[in-house]
Amino acid sequence: MLLRLLKKTGPLLQTSANISNKPALSKIEEVIKSFHRKKHQPDIIIDAGDLPASLPSTIIDFTVDEDSPRLLRPGAFKIRNLKFK
């Protein structure tokens, strides 16, 4: 089903399945419950089963100075691992 969707839409962007500043969720029931009766809802939820617990994505801002990135959200990738030209 997901492959058919991607063939029609092209690449898709997804975010973490949680409300901002709330813990990451790994169980589909938790995701659905957390958005129940919220003003903003996901456009689509694809149930691929429960996920293993993991760290969130690391968000890094390179827009001001690409040689001095700014860490916006720490996560699985450590900024010290970045290699510059």
PDB file of N, CA and C in Angstrom:
ATOM      1  N   MET A   1       0.811  -1.184   0.000  1.00  0.00           N
ATOM      2  CA  MET A   1       0.000   0.000   0.000  1.00  0.00           C
ATOM      3  C   MET A   1       0.868   1.267   0.000  1.00  0.00           C
ATOM      4  N   LEU A   2       1.912   1.295   0.820  1.00  0.00           N
ATOM      5  CA  LEU A   2       2.772   2.473   0.887  1.00  0.00           C
ATOM      6  C   LEU A   2       3.473   2.727  -0.439  1.00  0.00           C
ATOM      7  N   LEU A   3       3.950   1.676  -1.088  1.00  0.00           N
ATOM      8  CA  LEU A   3       4.607   1.856  -2.385  1.00  0.00           C
ATOM      9  C   LEU A   3       3.648   2.433  -3.424  1.00  0.00           C
ATOM     10  N   ARG A   4       2.400   1.991  -3.421  1.00  0.00           N
ATOM     11  CA  ARG A   4       1.412   2.554  -4.358  1.00  0.00           C
ATOM     12  C   ARG A   4       1.192   4.033  -4.075  1.00  0.00           C
ATOM     13  N   LEU A   5       1.142   4.407  -2.799  1.00  0.00           N
ATOM     14  CA  LEU A   5       0.973   5.815  -2.431  1.00  0.00           C
ATOM     15  C   LEU A   5       2.160   6.634  -2.925  1.00  0.00           C
ATOM     16  N   LEU A   6       3.379   6.154  -2.706  1.00  0.00           N
ATOM     17  CA  LEU A   6       4.572   6.878  -3.132  1.00  0.00           C
ATOM     18  C   LEU A   6       4.658   7.015  -4.647  1.00  0.00           C
ATOM     19  N   LYS A   7       4.194   6.019  -5.384  1.00  0.00           N
ATOM     20  CA  LYS A   7       4.192   6.115  -6.848  1.00  0.00           C
ATOM     21  C   LYS A   7       3.260   7.220  -7.323  1.00  0.00           C
ATOM     22  N   LYS A   8       2.196   7.464  -6.564  1.00  0.00           N
ATOM     23  CA  LYS A   8       1.246   8.517  -6.947  1.00  0.00           C
ATOM     24  C   LYS A   8       1.679   9.893  -6.468  1.00  0.00           C
ATOM     25  N   THR A   9       2.312   9.951  -5.298  1.00  0.00           N
ATOM     26  CA  THR A   9       2.622  11.248  -4.702  1.00  0.00           C
ATOM     27  C   THR A   9       4.051  11.696  -4.909  1.00  0.00           C
ATOM     28  N   GLY A  10       4.968  10.749  -5.099  1.00  0.00           N
ATOM     29  CA  GLY A  10       6.382  11.079  -5.064  1.00  0.00           C
ATOM     30  C   GLY A  10       6.841  11.070  -3.608  1.00  0.00           C
ATOM     31  N   PRO A  11       8.053  11.580  -3.335  1.00  0.00           N
ATOM     32  CA  PRO A  11       8.574  11.543  -1.969  1.00  0.00           C
ATOM     33  C   PRO A  11       7.646  12.248  -0.978  1.00  0.00           C
ATOM     34  N   LEU A  12       7.584  11.699   0.211  1.00  0.00           N
ATOM     35  CA  LEU A  12       6.784  12.288   1.280  1.00  0.00           C
ATOM     36  C   LEU A  12       7.699  12.701   2.420  1.00  0.00           C
ATOM     37  N   LEU A  13       7.271  13.677   3.186  1.00  0.00           N
ATOM     38  CA  LEU A  13       8.000  14.142   4.357  1.00  0.00           C
ATOM     39  C   LEU A  13       7.211  13.741   5.586  1.00  0.00           C
ATOM     40  N   GLN A  14       7.900  13.262   6.584  1.00  0.00           N
ATOM     41  CA  GLN A  14       7.211  12.897   7.815  1.00  0.00           C
ATOM     42  C   GLN A  14       7.958  13.505   8.988  1.00  0.00           C
ATOM     43  N   THR A  15       7.239  13.707  10.049  1.00  0.00           N
ATOM     44  CA  THR A  15       7.832  14.215  11.277  1.00  0.00           C
ATOM     45  C   THR A  15       7.680  13.156  12.350  1.00  0.00           C
ATOM     46  N   SER A  16       8.181  13.458  13.505  1.00  0.00           N
ATOM     47  CA  SER A  16       7.997  12.550  14.629  1.00  0.00           C
ATOM     48  C   SER A  16       6.511  12.409  14.921  1.00  0.00           C
ATOM     49  N   ALA A  17       6.137  11.240  15.386  1.00  0.00           N
ATOM     50  CA  ALA A  17       4.724  10.975  15.682  1.00  0.00           C
ATOM     51  C   ALA A  17       4.420  11.331  17.125  1.00  0.00           C
ATOM     52  N   ASN A  18       4.576  12.606  17.435  1.00  0.00           N
ATOM     53  CA  ASN A  18       4.248  13.068  18.767  1.00  0.00           C
ATOM     54  C   ASN A  18       3.938  14.566  18.725  1.00  0.00           C
ATOM     55  N   ILE A  19       3.300  15.031  19.768  1.00  0.00           N
ATOM     56  CA  ILE A  19       3.020  16.463  19.924  1.00  0.00           C
ATOM     57  C   ILE A  19       4.325  17.146  20.323  1.00  0.00           C
ATOM     58  N   SER A  20       4.573  18.367  19.827  1.00  0.00           N
ATOM     59  CA  SER A  20       5.798  19.099  20.171  1.00  0.00           C
ATOM     60  C   SER A  20       6.006  19.148  21.675  1.00  0.00           C
ATOM     61  N   ASN A  21       7.244  18.947  22.062  1.00  0.00           N
ATOM     62  CA  ASN A  21       7.676  18.975  23.465  1.00  0.00           C
ATOM     63  C   ASN A  21       7.103  17.835  24.305  1.00  0.00           C
ATOM     64  N   LYS A  22       6.571  16.823  23.658  1.00  0.00           N
ATOM     65  CA  LYS A  22       6.086  15.624  24.351  1.00  0.00           C
ATOM     66  C   LYS A  22       7.014  14.469  23.983  1.00  0.00           C
ATOM     67  N   PRO A  23       7.046  13.416  24.792  1.00  0.00           N
ATOM     68  CA  PRO A  23       7.929  12.280  24.477  1.00  0.00           C
ATOM     69  C   PRO A  23       7.573  11.634  23.137  1.00  0.00           C
ATOM     70  N   ALA A  24       8.594  11.072  22.499  1.00  0.00           N
ATOM     71  CA  ALA A  24       8.371  10.333  21.254  1.00  0.00           C
ATOM     72  C   ALA A  24       7.512   9.109  21.538  1.00  0.00           C
ATOM     73  N   LEU A  25       6.694   8.744  20.585  1.00  0.00           N
ATOM     74  CA  LEU A  25       5.790   7.607  20.735  1.00  0.00           C
ATOM     75  C   LEU A  25       6.223   6.485  19.801  1.00  0.00           C
ATOM     76  N   SER A  26       6.044   5.247  20.254  1.00  0.00           N
ATOM     77  CA  SER A  26       6.453   4.117  19.425  1.00  0.00           C
ATOM     78  C   SER A  26       5.322   3.113  19.188  1.00  0.00           C
ATOM     79  N   LYS A  27       4.209   3.296  19.844  1.00  0.00           N
ATOM     80  CA  LYS A  27       3.070   2.387  19.678  1.00  0.00           C
ATOM     81  C   LYS A  27       1.936   3.125  18.961  1.00  0.00           C
ATOM     82  N   ILE A  28       1.367   2.492  17.947  1.00  0.00           N
ATOM     83  CA  ILE A  28       0.343   3.133  17.124  1.00  0.00           C
ATOM     84  C   ILE A  28      -0.844   3.605  17.957  1.00  0.00           C
ATOM     85  N   GLU A  29      -1.221   2.836  18.963  1.00  0.00           N
ATOM     86  CA  GLU A  29      -2.350   3.238  19.810  1.00  0.00           C
ATOM     87  C   GLU A  29      -2.039   4.540  20.546  1.00  0.00           C
ATOM     88  N   GLU A  30      -0.780   4.717  20.981  1.00  0.00           N
ATOM     89  CA  GLU A  30      -0.375   5.950  21.659  1.00  0.00           C
ATOM     90  C   GLU A  30      -0.447   7.139  20.701  1.00  0.00           C
ATOM     91  N   VAL A  31      -0.021   6.931  19.462  1.00  0.00           N
ATOM     92  CA  VAL A  31      -0.043   8.007  18.465  1.00  0.00           C
ATOM     93  C   VAL A  31      -1.478   8.464  18.229  1.00  0.00           C
ATOM     94  N   ILE A  32      -2.360   7.523  17.971  1.00  0.00           N
ATOM     95  CA  ILE A  32      -3.759   7.860  17.704  1.00  0.00           C
ATOM     96  C   ILE A  32      -4.388   8.558  18.911  1.00  0.00           C
ATOM     97  N   LYS A  33      -4.143   8.033  20.098  1.00  0.00           N
ATOM     98  CA  LYS A  33      -4.708   8.616  21.319  1.00  0.00           C
ATOM     99  C   LYS A  33      -4.179  10.033  21.566  1.00  0.00           C
ATOM    100  N   SER A  34      -2.891  10.270  21.297  1.00  0.00           N
ATOM    101  CA  SER A  34      -2.307  11.585  21.586  1.00  0.00           C
ATOM    102  C   SER A  34      -2.894  12.692  20.709  1.00  0.00           C
ATOM    103  N   PHE A  35      -3.392  12.347  19.527  1.00  0.00           N
ATOM    104  CA  PHE A  35      -3.970  13.353  18.632  1.00  0.00           C
ATOM    105  C   PHE A  35      -5.489  13.435  18.735  1.00  0.00           C
ATOM    106  N   HIS A  36      -6.091  12.590  19.555  1.00  0.00           N
ATOM    107  CA  HIS A  36      -7.545  12.575  19.695  1.00  0.00           C
ATOM    108  C   HIS A  36      -8.052  13.950  20.135  1.00  0.00           C
ATOM    109  N   ARG A  37      -8.977  14.494  19.356  1.00  0.00           N
ATOM    110  CA  ARG A  37      -9.624  15.779  19.637  1.00  0.00           C
ATOM    111  C   ARG A  37      -8.676  16.971  19.666  1.00  0.00           C
ATOM    112  N   LYS A  38      -7.519  16.862  19.035  1.00  0.00           N
ATOM    113  CA  LYS A  38      -6.594  17.995  18.917  1.00  0.00           C
ATOM    114  C   LYS A  38      -6.984  18.812  17.693  1.00  0.00           C
ATOM    115  N   LYS A  39      -6.691  20.090  17.744  1.00  0.00           N
ATOM    116  CA  LYS A  39      -7.005  20.974  16.620  1.00  0.00           C
ATOM    117  C   LYS A  39      -6.257  20.537  15.355  1.00  0.00           C
ATOM    118  N   HIS A  40      -4.990  20.229  15.502  1.00  0.00           N
ATOM    119  CA  HIS A  40      -4.169  19.815  14.358  1.00  0.00           C
ATOM    120  C   HIS A  40      -4.009  18.309  14.386  1.00  0.00           C
ATOM    121  N   GLN A  41      -4.345  17.680  13.275  1.00  0.00           N
ATOM    122  CA  GLN A  41      -4.321  16.224  13.145  1.00  0.00           C
ATOM    123  C   GLN A  41      -3.332  15.824  12.053  1.00  0.00           C
ATOM    124  N   PRO A  42      -2.743  14.635  12.159  1.00  0.00           N
ATOM    125  CA  PRO A  42      -1.927  14.143  11.043  1.00  0.00           C
ATOM    126  C   PRO A  42      -2.796  13.974   9.800  1.00  0.00           C
ATOM    127  N   ASP A  43      -2.219  14.217   8.636  1.00  0.00           N
ATOM    128  CA  ASP A  43      -2.956  14.001   7.383  1.00  0.00           C
ATOM    129  C   ASP A  43      -3.179  12.517   7.139  1.00  0.00           C
ATOM    130  N   ILE A  44      -2.206  11.711   7.557  1.00  0.00           N
ATOM    131  CA  ILE A  44      -2.306  10.268   7.353  1.00  0.00           C
ATOM    132  C   ILE A  44      -1.468   9.570   8.421  1.00  0.00           C
ATOM    133  N   ILE A  45      -1.928   8.426   8.861  1.00  0.00           N
ATOM    134  CA  ILE A  45      -1.157   7.567   9.765  1.00  0.00           C
ATOM    135  C   ILE A  45      -1.070   6.205   9.101  1.00  0.00           C
ATOM    136  N   ILE A  46       0.149   5.739   8.879  1.00  0.00           N
ATOM    137  CA  ILE A  46       0.354   4.426   8.283  1.00  0.00           C
ATOM    138  C   ILE A  46       0.810   3.496   9.401  1.00  0.00           C
ATOM    139  N   ASP A  47       0.010   2.500   9.682  1.00  0.00           N
ATOM    140  CA  ASP A  47       0.294   1.567  10.763  1.00  0.00           C
ATOM    141  C   ASP A  47       1.232   0.478  10.261  1.00  0.00           C
ATOM    142  N   ALA A  48       2.506   0.603  10.624  1.00  0.00           N
ATOM    143  CA  ALA A  48       3.501  -0.413  10.272  1.00  0.00           C
ATOM    144  C   ALA A  48       3.866  -1.231  11.508  1.00  0.00           C
ATOM    145  N   GLY A  49       3.023  -1.170  12.516  1.00  0.00           N
ATOM    146  CA  GLY A  49       3.293  -1.890  13.754  1.00  0.00           C
ATOM    147  C   GLY A  49       4.047  -1.017  14.742  1.00  0.00           C
ATOM    148  N   ASP A  50       4.211  -1.539  15.930  1.00  0.00           N
ATOM    149  CA  ASP A  50       4.931  -0.813  16.963  1.00  0.00           C
ATOM    150  C   ASP A  50       6.404  -0.715  16.600  1.00  0.00           C
ATOM    151  N   LEU A  51       7.029   0.392  16.975  1.00  0.00           N
ATOM    152  CA  LEU A  51       8.436   0.629  16.685  1.00  0.00           C
ATOM    153  C   LEU A  51       9.270   0.423  17.944  1.00  0.00           C
ATOM    154  N   PRO A  52      10.531   0.059  17.790  1.00  0.00           N
ATOM    155  CA  PRO A  52      11.389  -0.019  18.973  1.00  0.00           C
ATOM    156  C   PRO A  52      11.661   1.390  19.489  1.00  0.00           C
ATOM    157  N   ALA A  53      11.866   1.507  20.779  1.00  0.00           N
ATOM    158  CA  ALA A  53      12.206   2.813  21.352  1.00  0.00           C
ATOM    159  C   ALA A  53      13.508   3.297  20.731  1.00  0.00           C
ATOM    160  N   SER A  54      13.567   4.587  20.430  1.00  0.00           N
ATOM    161  CA  SER A  54      14.780   5.144  19.833  1.00  0.00           C
ATOM    162  C   SER A  54      14.865   6.625  20.148  1.00  0.00           C
ATOM    163  N   LEU A  55      16.036   7.178  19.936  1.00  0.00           N
ATOM    164  CA  LEU A  55      16.231   8.612  20.122  1.00  0.00           C
ATOM    165  C   LEU A  55      15.581   9.362  18.965  1.00  0.00           C
ATOM    166  N   PRO A  56      15.160  10.609  19.204  1.00  0.00           N
ATOM    167  CA  PRO A  56      14.576  11.394  18.113  1.00  0.00           C
ATOM    168  C   PRO A  56      15.644  11.835  17.113  1.00  0.00           C
ATOM    169  N   SER A  57      15.192  12.385  16.006  1.00  0.00           N
ATOM    170  CA  SER A  57      16.110  12.914  14.994  1.00  0.00           C
ATOM    171  C   SER A  57      16.856  14.115  15.561  1.00  0.00           C
ATOM    172  N   THR A  58      18.091  14.276  15.121  1.00  0.00           N
ATOM    173  CA  THR A  58      18.871  15.454  15.464  1.00  0.00           C
ATOM    174  C   THR A  58      18.519  16.543  14.451  1.00  0.00           C
ATOM    175  N   ILE A  59      18.218  17.743  14.922  1.00  0.00           N
ATOM    176  CA  ILE A  59      17.898  18.864  14.036  1.00  0.00           C
ATOM    177  C   ILE A  59      19.021  19.892  14.155  1.00  0.00           C
ATOM    178  N   ILE A  60      19.652  20.202  13.007  1.00  0.00           N
ATOM    179  CA  ILE A  60      20.781  21.127  12.966  1.00  0.00           C
ATOM    180  C   ILE A  60      20.478  22.232  11.969  1.00  0.00           C
ATOM    181  N   ASP A  61      20.724  23.487  12.366  1.00  0.00           N
ATOM    182  CA  ASP A  61      20.487  24.655  11.513  1.00  0.00           C
ATOM    183  C   ASP A  61      21.803  25.086  10.876  1.00  0.00           C
ATOM    184  N   PHE A  62      21.867  24.986   9.534  1.00  0.00           N
ATOM    185  CA  PHE A  62      23.031  25.431   8.785  1.00  0.00           C
ATOM    186  C   PHE A  62      22.750  26.737   8.048  1.00  0.00           C
ATOM    187  N   THR A  63      21.595  27.362   8.295  1.00  0.00           N
ATOM    188  CA  THR A  63      21.183  28.502   7.469  1.00  0.00           C
ATOM    189  C   THR A  63      21.942  29.783   7.774  1.00  0.00           C
ATOM    190  N   VAL A  64      22.464  29.957   8.967  1.00  0.00           N
ATOM    191  CA  VAL A  64      23.165  31.193   9.309  1.00  0.00           C
ATOM    192  C   VAL A  64      24.624  31.118   8.896  1.00  0.00           C
ATOM    193  N   ASP A  65      25.286  30.021   9.252  1.00  0.00           N
ATOM    194  CA  ASP A  65      26.698  29.850   8.926  1.00  0.00           C
ATOM    195  C   ASP A  65      26.974  28.357   8.790  1.00  0.00           C
ATOM    196  N   GLU A  66      27.253  27.905   7.578  1.00  0.00           N
ATOM    197  CA  GLU A  66      27.430  26.463   7.371  1.00  0.00           C
ATOM    198  C   GLU A  66      28.661  25.916   8.080  1.00  0.00           C
ATOM    199  N   ASP A  67      29.601  26.777   8.454  1.00  0.00           N
ATOM    200  CA  ASP A  67      30.782  26.320   9.191  1.00  0.00           C
ATOM    201  C   ASP A  67      30.548  26.297  10.703  1.00  0.00           C
ATOM    202  N   SER A  68      29.459  26.886  11.157  1.00  0.00           N
ATOM    203  CA  SER A  68      29.114  26.901  12.583  1.00  0.00           C
ATOM    204  C   SER A  68      27.648  26.523  12.750  1.00  0.00           C
ATOM    205  N   PRO A  69      27.334  25.247  12.570  1.00  0.00           N
ATOM    206  CA  PRO A  69      25.929  24.834  12.682  1.00  0.00           C
ATOM    207  C   PRO A  69      25.407  25.031  14.100  1.00  0.00           C
ATOM    208  N   ARG A  70      24.102  25.247  14.191  1.00  0.00           N
ATOM    209  CA  ARG A  70      23.452  25.447  15.484  1.00  0.00           C
ATOM    210  C   ARG A  70      22.556  24.244  15.761  1.00  0.00           C
ATOM    211  N   LEU A  71      22.772  23.625  16.893  1.00  0.00           N
ATOM    212  CA  LEU A  71      21.981  22.470  17.285  1.00  0.00           C
ATOM    213  C   LEU A  71      20.626  22.942  17.790  1.00  0.00           C
ATOM    214  N   LEU A  72      19.554  22.541  17.094  1.00  0.00           N
ATOM    215  CA  LEU A  72      18.200  22.911  17.507  1.00  0.00           C
ATOM    216  C   LEU A  72      17.569  21.850  18.392  1.00  0.00           C
ATOM    217  N   ARG A  73      17.862  20.576  18.091  1.00  0.00           N
ATOM    218  CA  ARG A  73      17.336  19.487  18.909  1.00  0.00           C
ATOM    219  C   ARG A  73      18.335  18.343  18.907  1.00  0.00           C
ATOM    220  N   PRO A  74      18.844  17.977  20.100  1.00  0.00           N
ATOM    221  CA  PRO A  74      19.743  16.828  20.146  1.00  0.00           C
ATOM    222  C   PRO A  74      18.978  15.542  19.900  1.00  0.00           C
ATOM    223  N   GLY A  75      19.653  14.588  19.321  1.00  0.00           N
ATOM    224  CA  GLY A  75      19.014  13.309  19.032  1.00  0.00           C
ATOM    225  C   GLY A  75      20.045  12.223  18.832  1.00  0.00           C
ATOM    226  N   ALA A  76      19.731  11.279  17.969  1.00  0.00           N
ATOM    227  CA  ALA A  76      20.584  10.112  17.761  1.00  0.00           C
ATOM    228  C   ALA A  76      21.943  10.484  17.163  1.00  0.00           C
ATOM    229  N   PHE A  77      21.973  11.449  16.259  1.00  0.00           N
ATOM    230  CA  PHE A  77      23.218  11.859  15.619  1.00  0.00           C
ATOM    231  C   PHE A  77      23.899  12.913  16.483  1.00  0.00           C
ATOM    232  N   LYS A  78      25.170  12.724  16.779  1.00  0.00           N
ATOM    233  CA  LYS A  78      25.921  13.669  17.610  1.00  0.00           C
ATOM    234  C   LYS A  78      26.591  14.708  16.715  1.00  0.00           C
ATOM    235  N   ILE A  79      26.372  15.978  17.024  1.00  0.00           N
ATOM    236  CA  ILE A  79      26.905  17.076  16.203  1.00  0.00           C
ATOM    237  C   ILE A  79      28.425  17.022  16.120  1.00  0.00           C
ATOM    238  N   ARG A  80      29.088  16.475  17.122  1.00  0.00           N
ATOM    239  CA  ARG A  80      30.553  16.392  17.082  1.00  0.00           C
ATOM    240  C   ARG A  80      31.034  15.447  15.971  1.00  0.00           C
ATOM    241  N   ASN A  81      30.143  14.620  15.434  1.00  0.00           N
ATOM    242  CA  ASN A  81      30.493  13.706  14.348  1.00  0.00           C
ATOM    243  C   ASN A  81      30.505  14.380  12.982  1.00  0.00           C
ATOM    244  N   LEU A  82      30.093  15.647  12.920  1.00  0.00           N
ATOM    245  CA  LEU A  82      30.077  16.357  11.641  1.00  0.00           C
ATOM    246  C   LEU A  82      31.490  16.632  11.161  1.00  0.00           C
ATOM    247  N   LYS A  83      31.696  16.465   9.863  1.00  0.00           N
ATOM    248  CA  LYS A  83      32.984  16.756   9.240  1.00  0.00           C
ATOM    249  C   LYS A  83      32.765  17.908   8.264  1.00  0.00           C
ATOM    250  N   PHE A  84      33.621  18.926   8.350  1.00  0.00           N
ATOM    251  CA  PHE A  84      33.514  20.076   7.468  1.00  0.00           C
ATOM    252  C   PHE A  84      34.627  20.047   6.451  1.00  0.00           C
ATOM    253  N   LYS A  85      34.397  20.777   5.338  1.00  0.00           N
ATOM    254  CA  LYS A  85      35.391  20.833   4.265  1.00  0.00           C
ATOM    255  C   LYS A  85      36.716  21.358   4.778  1.00  0.00           C
TER     256      LYS A  85
END
